[in-house]
């Protein structure tokens, strides 16, 4: 194992064990390096690496702290990787999103409370078939975000959010080029919301799968045209 990797593992072990928690300040570099039996240079490189993936927060003139370790921070690296992919990867991203979000929709039907369901229904009531493409995309993002938040799983919500950001362009393309896309999208959203309101996870999962698969089919056809 490289020395820097060893330093990363030792700092990670301190966090995992609870010796260092969210918001805690790390000991000074020299003290920590001596304590872990590592060189200051390898310790410095380890801190830089952990800062990049949002585990540590280096505050110049103040010290180095453990971040909040919240899911949206820790999953930013995944978002970066996804954003680096080109348009040819959209189908693969949609396939992953379909698998995750369909199950999340089933969980929403199981765990969604009256307040969350009312908010979802209000979101749908706020748009109609005359909505612009830009407003439809904004609605689509809010609609799916509210569903995933009903699961109560912050990691799942952050992961799906990172996937969805890359698929916005595909939603726009579909709205601009496919006849009836607006009406179909809103109709599918209403059906999904109704299944969630009825607390029917099997139906909600099936409808969400079909909803996302419809965009996948359009993308596949567009790529072959």
Foldseek 3Di string as FASTA:
>chain_A
DDLLVVLLVVVVVCDVVPVADAFDFDDPLVVVCVVSVHDSVSNVVNLVVCVVQQQWDQDPPPGIHGHNPFLLSNCVVVLVVLVPDDPVCLLVLLVVLLVLLLQLLLLLLQQPDPVLLVVLVVLLVVDDLVDDLVVLLVSVLVNSLSSNVSNVDRNSSSVSNSSVVSCSVLSSVCVVPPPPPSVVLSVLSVQLSVSSVVSPSVSNSVSSSVNSVVSSVVSVVVVVD
